[in-house]
Structure formats: structure tokens, C-alpha cells
C-alpha atoms as a PDB file:
ATOM      1  CA  MET A   1      -8.695  75.148  84.480  1.00  0.00           C
ATOM      2  CA  GLU A   2      -7.311  72.054  82.274  1.00  0.00           C
ATOM      3  CA  GLN A   3      -3.648  71.704  82.404  1.00  0.00           C
ATOM      4  CA  VAL A   4      -1.701  72.193  79.270  1.00  0.00           C
ATOM      5  CA  TRP A   5       1.382  70.361  77.999  1.00  0.00           C
ATOM      6  CA  LYS A   6       4.035  71.298  75.515  1.00  0.00           C
ATOM      7  CA  CYS A   7       6.092  68.337  74.019  1.00  0.00           C
ATOM      8  CA  SER A   8       9.987  68.675  73.662  1.00  0.00           C
ATOM      9  CA  GLY A   9      10.106  65.573  71.548  1.00  0.00           C
ATOM     10  CA  LEU A  10      10.770  62.000  71.402  1.00  0.00           C
ATOM     11  CA  ARG A  11      13.913  60.616  72.835  1.00  0.00           C
ATOM     12  CA  TRP A  12      15.287  56.912  73.001  1.00  0.00           C
ATOM     13  CA  ALA A  13      16.084  55.966  76.293  1.00  0.00           C
ATOM     14  CA  ALA A  14      17.509  52.282  77.398  1.00  0.00           C
ATOM     15  CA  GLY A  15      14.239  50.969  77.883  1.00  0.00           C
ATOM     16  CA  GLY A  16      12.631  52.520  74.394  1.00  0.00           C
ATOM     17  CA  PRO A  17      11.005  55.520  73.371  1.00  0.00           C
ATOM     18  CA  VAL A  18       9.902  58.104  75.540  1.00  0.00           C
ATOM     19  CA  LEU A  19       8.029  61.686  75.170  1.00  0.00           C
ATOM     20  CA  VAL A  20       9.752  64.615  76.628  1.00  0.00           C
ATOM     21  CA  TRP A  21       7.480  67.406  78.126  1.00  0.00           C
ATOM     22  CA  GLU A  22       8.639  71.057  78.835  1.00  0.00           C
ATOM     23  CA  GLY A  23       9.793  71.025  82.576  1.00  0.00           C
ATOM     24  CA  GLY A  24      11.493  67.642  82.140  1.00  0.00           C
ATOM     25  CA  ARG A  25       8.666  65.035  82.666  1.00  0.00           C
ATOM     26  CA  VAL A  26       8.999  62.238  80.392  1.00  0.00           C
ATOM     27  CA  SER A  27       6.096  59.588  79.477  1.00  0.00           C
ATOM     28  CA  ARG A  28       7.415  56.023  78.726  1.00  0.00           C
ATOM     29  CA  LEU A  29       5.830  54.286  75.691  1.00  0.00           C
ATOM     30  CA  PRO A  30       6.021  50.612  75.847  1.00  0.00           C
ATOM     31  CA  TRP A  31       4.009  48.734  72.886  1.00  0.00           C
ATOM     32  CA  GLY A  32       0.509  48.612  73.429  1.00  0.00           C
ATOM     33  CA  LYS A  33       0.180  51.833  75.223  1.00  0.00           C
ATOM     34  CA  ARG A  34      -2.468  54.232  74.430  1.00  0.00           C
ATOM     35  CA  VAL A  35      -1.034  57.388  73.076  1.00  0.00           C
ATOM     36  CA  ALA A  36      -3.903  60.212  73.075  1.00  0.00           C
ATOM     37  CA  PHE A  37      -4.005  63.855  73.323  1.00  0.00           C
ATOM     38  CA  ALA A  38      -6.069  66.937  71.913  1.00  0.00           C
ATOM     39  CA  VAL A  39      -4.693  70.281  70.606  1.00  0.00           C
ATOM     40  CA  VAL A  40      -6.081  73.030  72.652  1.00  0.00           C
ATOM     41  CA  ASP A  41      -9.012  74.570  70.671  1.00  0.00           C
ATOM     42  CA  GLY A  42      -7.989  77.830  69.606  1.00  0.00           C
ATOM     43  CA  GLY A  43      -4.207  77.234  70.388  1.00  0.00           C
ATOM     44  CA  GLU A  44      -1.635  78.353  68.198  1.00  0.00           C
ATOM     45  CA  ARG A  45       1.875  76.867  67.481  1.00  0.00           C
ATOM     46  CA  GLY A  46       4.935  78.973  68.909  1.00  0.00           C
ATOM     47  CA  CYS A  47       8.434  78.778  67.858  1.00  0.00           C
ATOM     48  CA  VAL A  48      10.363  76.437  70.523  1.00  0.00           C
ATOM     49  CA  GLY A  49      13.471  78.557  70.553  1.00  0.00           C
ATOM     50  CA  ALA A  50      17.104  77.806  70.152  1.00  0.00           C
ATOM     51  CA  ARG A  51      19.804  76.435  72.204  1.00  0.00           C
ATOM     52  CA  GLY A  52      17.854  76.259  75.270  1.00  0.00           C
ATOM     53  CA  HIS A  53      16.540  79.880  74.965  1.00  0.00           C
ATOM     54  CA  ALA A  54      12.909  80.915  74.279  1.00  0.00           C
ATOM     55  CA  CYS A  55      12.068  82.716  71.026  1.00  0.00           C
ATOM     56  CA  PRO A  56      12.564  86.388  71.533  1.00  0.00           C
ATOM     57  CA  THR A  57       9.778  87.390  69.352  1.00  0.00           C
ATOM     58  CA  GLY A  58       7.501  84.445  70.193  1.00  0.00           C
ATOM     59  CA  ALA A  59       6.736  83.919  66.441  1.00  0.00           C
ATOM     60  CA  GLY A  60       4.327  81.315  65.285  1.00  0.00           C
ATOM     61  CA  VAL A  61       5.260  78.432  62.814  1.00  0.00           C
ATOM     62  CA  PRO A  62       3.519  76.295  60.342  1.00  0.00           C
ATOM     63  CA  GLY A  63       1.768  73.255  61.388  1.00  0.00           C
ATOM     64  CA  ARG A  64       3.751  71.236  58.628  1.00  0.00           C
ATOM     65  CA  SER A  65       7.083  72.519  59.934  1.00  0.00           C
ATOM     66  CA  THR A  66       9.004  69.554  61.703  1.00  0.00           C
ATOM     67  CA  GLY A  67      11.601  71.821  63.255  1.00  0.00           C
ATOM     68  CA  ALA A  68       8.959  74.104  64.875  1.00  0.00           C
ATOM     69  CA  ARG A  69      11.289  77.115  64.750  1.00  0.00           C
ATOM     70  CA  CYS A  70      11.054  80.600  63.403  1.00  0.00           C
ATOM     71  CA  GLU A  71      13.763  81.604  60.511  1.00  0.00           C
ATOM     72  CA  GLU A  72      15.741  83.314  63.213  1.00  0.00           C
ATOM     73  CA  CYS A  73      15.915  80.608  65.688  1.00  0.00           C
ATOM     74  CA  ALA A  74      16.410  77.882  63.015  1.00  0.00           C
ATOM     75  CA  ARG A  75      19.403  79.831  61.879  1.00  0.00           C
ATOM     76  CA  LEU A  76      20.913  80.136  65.411  1.00  0.00           C
ATOM     77  CA  GLU A  77      20.292  76.490  65.993  1.00  0.00           C
ATOM     78  CA  ARG A  78      21.973  75.754  63.082  1.00  0.00           C
ATOM     79  CA  ALA A  79      24.846  78.029  63.664  1.00  0.00           C
ATOM     80  CA  HIS A  80      26.016  75.501  66.427  1.00  0.00           C
ATOM     81  CA  SER A  81      25.424  72.042  64.642  1.00  0.00           C
ATOM     82  CA  VAL A  82      27.955  69.512  63.884  1.00  0.00           C
ATOM     83  CA  ALA A  83      25.630  68.071  61.478  1.00  0.00           C
ATOM     84  CA  ALA A  84      25.379  71.344  59.520  1.00  0.00           C
ATOM     85  CA  ASP A  85      29.281  71.328  59.486  1.00  0.00           C
ATOM     86  CA  THR A  86      29.445  74.766  61.292  1.00  0.00           C
ATOM     87  CA  VAL A  87      31.490  73.200  63.941  1.00  0.00           C
ATOM     88  CA  ALA A  88      35.186  72.726  63.482  1.00  0.00           C
ATOM     89  CA  ASP A  89      36.873  72.733  67.045  1.00  0.00           C
ATOM     90  CA  ASP A  90      34.998  69.951  68.876  1.00  0.00           C
ATOM     91  CA  PRO A  91      37.545  68.056  70.718  1.00  0.00           C
ATOM     92  CA  ARG A  92      35.300  65.014  71.119  1.00  0.00           C
ATOM     93  CA  ALA A  93      36.314  61.482  69.210  1.00  0.00           C
ATOM     94  CA  TYR A  94      33.597  60.844  66.549  1.00  0.00           C
ATOM     95  CA  HIS A  95      32.365  57.665  64.762  1.00  0.00           C
ATOM     96  CA  VAL A  96      31.798  57.235  61.020  1.00  0.00           C
ATOM     97  CA  TYR A  97      29.044  54.811  60.357  1.00  0.00           C
ATOM     98  CA  LEU A  98      26.673  53.261  57.477  1.00  0.00           C
ATOM     99  CA  ALA A  99      23.098  53.160  58.505  1.00  0.00           C
ATOM    100  CA  TRP A 100      20.774  51.262  56.655  1.00  0.00           C
ATOM    101  CA  PHE A 101      16.614  52.002  56.711  1.00  0.00           C
ATOM    102  CA  GLY A 102      15.667  49.405  54.374  1.00  0.00           C
ATOM    103  CA  PRO A 103      16.291  47.799  50.962  1.00  0.00           C
ATOM    104  CA  GLY A 104      18.165  50.045  48.722  1.00  0.00           C
ATOM    105  CA  MET A 105      18.491  52.924  51.168  1.00  0.00           C
ATOM    106  CA  THR A 106      21.932  53.282  53.083  1.00  0.00           C
ATOM    107  CA  LYS A 107      23.429  56.454  54.247  1.00  0.00           C
ATOM    108  CA  VAL A 108      26.836  57.451  55.536  1.00  0.00           C
ATOM    109  CA  GLY A 109      27.265  59.784  58.575  1.00  0.00           C
ATOM    110  CA  ILE A 110      29.102  60.752  61.716  1.00  0.00           C
ATOM    111  CA  THR A 111      28.138  60.987  65.503  1.00  0.00           C
ATOM    112  CA  ALA A 112      30.020  61.478  68.726  1.00  0.00           C
ATOM    113  CA  VAL A 113      31.639  58.491  70.247  1.00  0.00           C
ATOM    114  CA  GLU A 114      30.093  59.499  73.604  1.00  0.00           C
ATOM    115  CA  ARG A 115      26.616  59.205  72.188  1.00  0.00           C
ATOM    116  CA  GLY A 116      26.813  55.441  71.276  1.00  0.00           C
ATOM    117  CA  PRO A 117      23.883  54.407  69.008  1.00  0.00           C
ATOM    118  CA  ALA A 118      21.376  57.276  69.974  1.00  0.00           C
ATOM    119  CA  ARG A 119      21.932  59.031  66.983  1.00  0.00           C
ATOM    120  CA  LEU A 120      20.961  55.820  64.849  1.00  0.00           C
ATOM    121  CA  LEU A 121      17.817  55.347  66.785  1.00  0.00           C
ATOM    122  CA  GLU A 122      16.802  58.996  66.419  1.00  0.00           C
ATOM    123  CA  GLN A 123      17.235  58.623  62.721  1.00  0.00           C
ATOM    124  CA  GLY A 124      15.344  55.096  62.471  1.00  0.00           C
ATOM    125  CA  ALA A 125      18.251  53.327  61.245  1.00  0.00           C
ATOM    126  CA  VAL A 126      16.935  49.497  61.089  1.00  0.00           C
ATOM    127  CA  CYS A 127      20.617  48.352  60.941  1.00  0.00           C
ATOM    128  CA  PHE A 128      24.102  50.009  60.979  1.00  0.00           C
ATOM    129  CA  SER A 129      27.765  49.324  61.551  1.00  0.00           C
ATOM    130  CA  TRP A 130      30.546  51.662  62.528  1.00  0.00           C
ATOM    131  CA  LEU A 131      33.312  52.465  60.016  1.00  0.00           C
ATOM    132  CA  GLY A 132      35.971  54.453  61.687  1.00  0.00           C
ATOM    133  CA  GLU A 133      36.696  56.337  64.867  1.00  0.00           C
ATOM    134  CA  GLY A 134      38.865  59.534  64.933  1.00  0.00           C
ATOM    135  CA  PRO A 135      38.789  63.400  65.273  1.00  0.00           C
ATOM    136  CA  LEU A 136      35.842  65.442  64.030  1.00  0.00           C
ATOM    137  CA  MET A 137      37.694  66.805  60.887  1.00  0.00           C
ATOM    138  CA  ALA A 138      39.087  63.358  59.799  1.00  0.00           C
ATOM    139  CA  ALA A 139      35.653  61.820  60.379  1.00  0.00           C
ATOM    140  CA  ARG A 140      33.975  64.687  58.151  1.00  0.00           C
ATOM    141  CA  ARG A 141      36.752  63.988  55.468  1.00  0.00           C
ATOM    142  CA  THR A 142      36.138  60.409  55.545  1.00  0.00           C
ATOM    143  CA  GLU A 143      32.250  60.692  55.395  1.00  0.00           C
ATOM    144  CA  GLU A 144      32.649  62.913  52.332  1.00  0.00           C
ATOM    145  CA  LEU A 145      35.000  60.474  50.852  1.00  0.00           C
ATOM    146  CA  LEU A 146      32.653  57.446  51.275  1.00  0.00           C
ATOM    147  CA  ARG A 147      29.639  59.717  50.229  1.00  0.00           C
ATOM    148  CA  ALA A 148      31.196  60.330  46.892  1.00  0.00           C
ATOM    149  CA  ALA A 149      32.991  56.669  46.346  1.00  0.00           C
ATOM    150  CA  LEU A 150      30.196  54.582  47.503  1.00  0.00           C
ATOM    151  CA  LYS A 151      27.412  56.867  45.763  1.00  0.00           C
ATOM    152  CA  VAL A 152      25.556  56.932  49.092  1.00  0.00           C
ATOM    153  CA  PRO A 153      23.955  60.137  50.748  1.00  0.00           C
ATOM    154  CA  ASP A 154      24.513  61.553  53.790  1.00  0.00           C
ATOM    155  CA  ARG A 155      20.770  62.433  54.458  1.00  0.00           C
ATOM    156  CA  ILE A 156      17.614  60.658  53.927  1.00  0.00           C
ATOM    157  CA  PRO A 157      14.175  62.273  53.927  1.00  0.00           C
ATOM    158  CA  TYR A 158      11.836  60.464  56.593  1.00  0.00           C
ATOM    159  CA  ALA A 159       9.289  60.349  54.087  1.00  0.00           C
ATOM    160  CA  ASP A 160      11.464  57.656  52.146  1.00  0.00           C
ATOM    161  CA  LYS A 161      12.333  56.086  55.477  1.00  0.00           C
ATOM    162  CA  ARG A 162       8.729  55.442  56.003  1.00  0.00           C
ATOM    163  CA  VAL A 163       8.126  53.680  52.863  1.00  0.00           C
ATOM    164  CA  VAL A 164      10.801  51.052  52.665  1.00  0.00           C
ATOM    165  CA  ARG A 165      10.071  50.365  56.386  1.00  0.00           C
ATOM    166  CA  ALA A 166       7.034  48.537  55.360  1.00  0.00           C
ATOM    167  CA  ALA A 167       8.992  45.971  53.311  1.00  0.00           C
ATOM    168  CA  LEU A 168      11.775  45.055  55.750  1.00  0.00           C
ATOM    169  CA  PRO A 169      13.630  41.715  55.095  1.00  0.00           C
ATOM    170  CA  ALA A 170      12.746  38.926  57.784  1.00  0.00           C
ATOM    171  CA  THR A 171      15.886  38.227  59.214  1.00  0.00           C
ATOM    172  CA  GLU A 172      18.959  40.222  60.780  1.00  0.00           C
ATOM    173  CA  ALA A 173      21.456  38.773  58.214  1.00  0.00           C
ATOM    174  CA  GLU A 174      19.352  39.864  55.261  1.00  0.00           C
ATOM    175  CA  ARG A 175      19.050  43.375  56.835  1.00  0.00           C
ATOM    176  CA  ALA A 176      22.801  43.496  57.258  1.00  0.00           C
ATOM    177  CA  ALA A 177      23.459  42.432  53.860  1.00  0.00           C
ATOM    178  CA  GLU A 178      23.783  45.863  52.009  1.00  0.00           C
ATOM    179  CA  VAL A 179      25.589  47.304  55.049  1.00  0.00           C
ATOM    180  CA  GLY A 180      28.140  44.463  54.937  1.00  0.00           C
ATOM    181  CA  VAL A 181      28.773  44.908  51.155  1.00  0.00           C
ATOM    182  CA  LEU A 182      29.165  48.752  51.550  1.00  0.00           C
ATOM    183  CA  HIS A 183      31.557  48.250  54.639  1.00  0.00           C
ATOM    184  CA  GLY A 184      33.787  46.052  52.590  1.00  0.00           C
ATOM    185  CA  ARG A 185      34.161  48.404  49.950  1.00  0.00           C
ATOM    186  CA  ALA A 186      34.387  51.333  52.270  1.00  0.00           C
ATOM    187  CA  THR A 187      37.453  49.789  54.115  1.00  0.00           C
ATOM    188  CA  ALA A 188      39.155  48.667  50.625  1.00  0.00           C
ATOM    189  CA  LEU A 189      39.387  52.574  49.802  1.00  0.00           C
ATOM    190  CA  GLY A 190      42.449  54.501  50.044  1.00  0.00           C
ATOM    191  CA  GLY A 191      42.787  58.017  51.000  1.00  0.00           C
ATOM    192  CA  TRP A 192      41.340  57.525  54.597  1.00  0.00           C
ATOM    193  CA  PRO A 193      42.879  60.304  57.077  1.00  0.00           C
ATOM    194  CA  GLU A 194      45.517  58.599  59.045  1.00  0.00           C
ATOM    195  CA  SER A 195      44.181  59.872  62.281  1.00  0.00           C
ATOM    196  CA  LEU A 196      41.033  57.684  61.586  1.00  0.00           C
ATOM    197  CA  ARG A 197      41.053  54.121  62.807  1.00  0.00           C
ATOM    198  CA  ARG A 198      39.128  51.822  60.690  1.00  0.00           C
ATOM    199  CA  LEU A 199      36.705  49.355  62.598  1.00  0.00           C
ATOM    200  CA  PRO A 200      35.666  45.937  61.518  1.00  0.00           C
ATOM    201  CA  PHE A 201      32.097  45.226  60.548  1.00  0.00           C
ATOM    202  CA  GLN A 202      29.640  44.671  63.453  1.00  0.00           C
ATOM    203  CA  PRO A 203      26.161  45.033  62.198  1.00  0.00           C
ATOM    204  CA  VAL A 204      23.743  46.249  65.063  1.00  0.00           C
ATOM    205  CA  ASP A 205      20.082  45.482  64.306  1.00  0.00           C
ATOM    206  CA  HIS A 206      17.158  47.822  65.981  1.00  0.00           C
ATOM    207  CA  ALA A 207      14.135  46.201  64.290  1.00  0.00           C
ATOM    208  CA  GLU A 208      13.406  44.605  67.751  1.00  0.00           C
ATOM    209  CA  ALA A 209      13.840  47.949  69.505  1.00  0.00           C
ATOM    210  CA  PHE A 210      11.356  49.472  67.154  1.00  0.00           C
ATOM    211  CA  GLY A 211       8.728  46.717  67.145  1.00  0.00           C
ATOM    212  CA  LEU A 212       9.175  46.156  63.434  1.00  0.00           C
ATOM    213  CA  GLY A 213      10.518  42.374  64.132  1.00  0.00           C
ATOM    214  CA  ARG A 214       7.967  40.732  66.422  1.00  0.00           C
ATOM    215  CA  PRO A 215       6.225  37.364  65.411  1.00  0.00           C
ATOM    216  CA  GLY A 216       3.480  37.706  63.006  1.00  0.00           C
ATOM    217  CA  GLY A 217       4.868  40.955  61.389  1.00  0.00           C
ATOM    218  CA  THR A 218       4.047  44.507  62.066  1.00  0.00           C
ATOM    219  CA  PRO A 219       0.909  45.945  60.976  1.00  0.00           C
ATOM    220  CA  ALA A 220       0.905  47.910  57.575  1.00  0.00           C
ATOM    221  CA  VAL A 221       0.756  51.434  57.771  1.00  0.00           C
ATOM    222  CA  ASP A 222      -0.562  53.496  54.574  1.00  0.00           C
ATOM    223  CA  CYS A 223      -0.835  57.113  55.775  1.00  0.00           C
ATOM    224  CA  ALA A 224       0.827  59.573  58.228  1.00  0.00           C
ATOM    225  CA  VAL A 225      -0.266  62.793  59.938  1.00  0.00           C
ATOM    226  CA  SER A 226       0.476  65.552  57.918  1.00  0.00           C
ATOM    227  CA  GLU A 227       0.174  68.455  60.525  1.00  0.00           C
ATOM    228  CA  LEU A 228      -1.666  69.056  63.838  1.00  0.00           C
ATOM    229  CA  VAL A 229      -4.393  71.653  64.095  1.00  0.00           C
ATOM    230  CA  ALA A 230      -6.094  73.482  66.899  1.00  0.00           C
ATOM    231  CA  GLY A 231      -9.215  71.512  68.246  1.00  0.00           C
ATOM    232  CA  GLY A 232      -7.835  68.301  66.770  1.00  0.00           C
ATOM    233  CA  ALA A 233      -6.912  65.276  68.741  1.00  0.00           C
ATOM    234  CA  VAL A 234      -4.880  61.719  68.101  1.00  0.00           C
ATOM    235  CA  SER A 235      -5.410  58.513  70.053  1.00  0.00           C
ATOM    236  CA  GLY A 236      -4.381  55.063  68.963  1.00  0.00           C
ATOM    237  CA  GLU A 237      -2.383  51.993  70.310  1.00  0.00           C
ATOM    238  CA  LEU A 238       1.442  52.149  69.966  1.00  0.00           C
ATOM    239  CA  VAL A 239       2.379  49.071  67.897  1.00  0.00           C
ATOM    240  CA  ALA A 240       6.051  50.201  66.641  1.00  0.00           C
ATOM    241  CA  ALA A 241       8.291  53.289  66.778  1.00  0.00           C
ATOM    242  CA  ALA A 242      11.212  54.275  64.685  1.00  0.00           C
ATOM    243  CA  GLY A 243      13.230  57.575  64.896  1.00  0.00           C
ATOM    244  CA  PRO A 244      10.855  60.305  65.634  1.00  0.00           C
ATOM    245  CA  ASP A 245       7.624  58.182  64.288  1.00  0.00           C
ATOM    246  CA  LEU A 246       4.984  56.587  66.560  1.00  0.00           C
ATOM    247  CA  HIS A 247       3.014  53.821  64.393  1.00  0.00           C
ATOM    248  CA  LEU A 248      -0.594  53.943  66.011  1.00  0.00           C
ATOM    249  CA  ALA A 249      -3.293  51.672  65.484  1.00  0.00           C
ATOM    250  CA  THR A 250      -6.618  53.294  65.185  1.00  0.00           C
ATOM    251  CA  VAL A 251     -10.261  52.442  64.113  1.00  0.00           C
ATOM    252  CA  ASP A 252      -9.028  53.435  60.511  1.00  0.00           C
ATOM    253  CA  GLY A 253      -5.949  51.479  60.528  1.00  0.00           C
ATOM    254  CA  VAL A 254      -2.342  52.214  61.304  1.00  0.00           C
ATOM    255  CA  VAL A 255      -1.168  56.031  61.179  1.00  0.00           C
ATOM    256  CA  VAL A 256       2.288  57.274  61.492  1.00  0.00           C
ATOM    257  CA  LEU A 257       2.663  60.268  63.681  1.00  0.00           C
ATOM    258  CA  ASP A 258       5.883  62.089  63.377  1.00  0.00           C
ATOM    259  CA  THR A 259       6.547  63.469  67.029  1.00  0.00           C
ATOM    260  CA  ARG A 260       8.289  66.538  65.834  1.00  0.00           C
ATOM    261  CA  LEU A 261       4.755  67.972  64.952  1.00  0.00           C
ATOM    262  CA  MET A 262       3.800  68.279  68.172  1.00  0.00           C
ATOM    263  CA  SER A 263       6.484  70.684  69.496  1.00  0.00           C
ATOM    264  CA  GLY A 264       5.052  74.015  70.010  1.00  0.00           C
ATOM    265  CA  TRP A 265       1.496  73.293  70.277  1.00  0.00           C
ATOM    266  CA  PRO A 266      -0.418  73.591  73.655  1.00  0.00           C
ATOM    267  CA  LEU A 267      -1.694  70.048  74.188  1.00  0.00           C
ATOM    268  CA  GLY A 268      -4.191  68.810  76.597  1.00  0.00           C
ATOM    269  CA  PRO A 269      -5.506  65.300  77.559  1.00  0.00           C
ATOM    270  CA  VAL A 270      -8.142  63.419  75.678  1.00  0.00           C
ATOM    271  CA  ARG A 271      -9.725  61.292  78.821  1.00  0.00           C
ATOM    272  CA  ASP A 272      -6.414  60.754  81.057  1.00  0.00           C
ATOM    273  CA  PRO A 273      -4.377  63.687  82.862  1.00  0.00           C
ATOM    274  CA  ASP A 274      -1.366  62.572  81.136  1.00  0.00           C
ATOM    275  CA  PRO A 275      -1.596  63.359  77.468  1.00  0.00           C
ATOM    276  CA  ALA A 276       0.891  60.436  76.476  1.00  0.00           C
ATOM    277  CA  VAL A 277      -1.284  57.871  78.185  1.00  0.00           C
ATOM    278  CA  GLY A 278      -5.019  58.676  77.013  1.00  0.00           C
ATOM    279  CA  LEU A 279      -7.562  55.853  76.556  1.00  0.00           C
ATOM    280  CA  LYS A 280      -6.779  52.722  78.376  1.00  0.00           C
ATOM    281  CA  GLY A 281      -7.835  49.171  77.271  1.00  0.00           C
ATOM    282  CA  GLY A 282     -10.258  47.999  74.696  1.00  0.00           C
ATOM    283  CA  VAL A 283     -10.156  48.675  70.944  1.00  0.00           C
ATOM    284  CA  GLY A 284     -10.506  52.113  69.483  1.00  0.00           C
ATOM    285  CA  GLY A 285      -8.486  55.092  68.893  1.00  0.00           C
ATOM    286  CA  SER A 286      -9.163  57.918  65.902  1.00  0.00           C
ATOM    287  CA  VAL A 287      -7.034  60.680  64.243  1.00  0.00           C
ATOM    288  CA  GLY A 288      -8.944  63.926  63.953  1.00  0.00           C
ATOM    289  CA  VAL A 289      -6.113  65.874  62.212  1.00  0.00           C
ATOM    290  CA  PRO A 290      -5.124  65.954  58.579  1.00  0.00           C
ATOM    291  CA  VAL A 291      -3.447  62.805  57.256  1.00  0.00           C
ATOM    292  CA  ARG A 292      -1.800  61.843  53.771  1.00  0.00           C
ATOM    293  CA  ARG A 293      -1.218  58.441  52.330  1.00  0.00           C
ATOM    294  CA  LEU A 294       2.294  57.226  52.119  1.00  0.00           C
ATOM    295  CA  ARG A 295       3.873  56.563  48.821  1.00  0.00           C
ATOM    296  CA  THR A 296       4.046  53.078  47.676  1.00  0.00           C
ATOM    297  CA  ALA A 297       7.633  51.177  47.750  1.00  0.00           C
ATOM    298  CA  SER A 298       7.506  51.962  43.848  1.00  0.00           C
ATOM    299  CA  GLY A 299       7.523  55.593  44.523  1.00  0.00           C
ATOM    300  CA  THR A 300       3.910  56.319  43.488  1.00  0.00           C
ATOM    301  CA  GLN A 301       1.516  58.416  45.369  1.00  0.00           C
ATOM    302  CA  SER A 302      -1.617  56.455  46.171  1.00  0.00           C
ATOM    303  CA  GLY A 303      -3.752  59.497  46.810  1.00  0.00           C
ATOM    304  CA  LEU A 304      -4.639  62.088  49.453  1.00  0.00           C
ATOM    305  CA  PHE A 305      -7.513  62.784  51.831  1.00  0.00           C
END
């Protein structure tokens, strides 16, 4: 009987992105690696549960859901989320940051100091800088202050990030310019909580870590996987990655795979026992699941297929 795998998601380690599988096994994803897997024919996508516990009802979830949780498990997960502003007594120190995803797209956010830049890598931030450091509630108040004063959001949809990612400036200085301007405006504002220490502008660039700043540029992407389906398969060569997204070169061009769509599905190999390795060598790869074209930088939709 062929072994079945379930994906727990994409994580960013010191050496780059890795796929994590149920049971703790990981598959490292260096550039050029063949990523290939098949969704078990007749398989169904199940809720991944919450807070490390299995879904009590074994509920099914839609193929297009990036959360892969039923309504009840999603509510439980969110009830213990700092991002959802439902935790007020976390004793850890927090960073306030500005994250830049592409021209005209910057957000403000917070993350635990102990996590370092992990949250920024997970979000697909191409460039970022810390703004301040302090207790959770002070960081929260500062985030809200800056969001209103700078007219920047605290959340940006991944679909929007993918659009601007295709038109990044060529140099680190250019990519850091918008963050630098906003950082200066932010630190000049009054009203910061006294317990939050302001930090100097020190931009960190992730273009190289994401594979987006290599000589010759990154292959253009014009479509993304919209959902996985039973009996479908995905295979391609990894040319870049950002946040949860893998950019896969196939015979039909470069396709973005949001790895959050993999969670909850029973997955098997295409040719190799490790579903994250797949085909080896040569040119090829294809996507046998529904895809959609990305919007253009102007915000118009070029079509669907």
C-alpha cells in the first residue's frame, strides 16, 4: 500500500524554506529542487484541528480554504491568538515593525522579540525594519497609533503581495526607501507609550532569502493554484519562495503554490517516495489542479482558466 502524507505547512529555517509533515518529518527546499506530489484519488480534505489537538468531529473543509479548519476549530485557534488581539497577559517582549512587500505596499505589525525575523519571513516581507520594543499592550497601542497616523494597514492579502512581488526594484536601497520614509515619520510622532523603546532604522532585505534577487531576475509568474482536488497533482522546479508561497517552474510557465492549500489533504508521491522531492533532473513539471491568473500590477484581472 502506498504511503500517504499530510502536510503541516511551510516553515522558514536558517537554511531556507522547509515543508513540515505530520509526525515531524521535514523536506528542505533549496532552489532547483523538484516539488511534486499527488492528491490521493478519492481523498477528502479534513480539518487540521486547533492548538495541537485533532478536530473532534473530523469535519471536512473547502479546497480553497487557506486555514484548513472547520468553523469551531478556527474559533478555538483564534481565541488564543496574539494576532487576533485576544491575548492581553503575554509577559514576553514584543517588536513593532514596518514590513514592505513591494512598491506602495507597507504594513505595520508586532511580533514576539524571541521570534526574531521569523514572522516577517512567514508573511513574505521583502524588506522590514524594527520600530520599537516593549510589553505586548504597549506594542499593540503603538501599532494602532502608527496604523492611523501613517495610513498603513495591519494586514495585507496574499493575493495583493503576489502582484507587487513581480515588480520589485533592483537594489536593496530602492527596496528600503519606502520603509525608511515611514520609519522617519513614525519615530517623529508623539503619543508613543513610555514603556516602548524606539529603535533606529536598520532595514533587513529578504529578496535573496526568497530567491527574488538573483542575477538575471526571477521568472515572471502569471498564475496561482486556486485549490487542490482529489486525484490532482502538482510538479515543478522551485525557483523562488516567499511567505507560504512556492514559485514552481512547469512546462506551462511559473505557477505559485500557496502551501496552506496542502494542509488537510492526503498526499502521495508522483514518482519519488518523498512527496516533496518528486521528479529529478531534466525539464518538465505540470499542474493538474485548478489555477487562476494573477491580477496585473494595475489591479485588473487578465482572465481565468
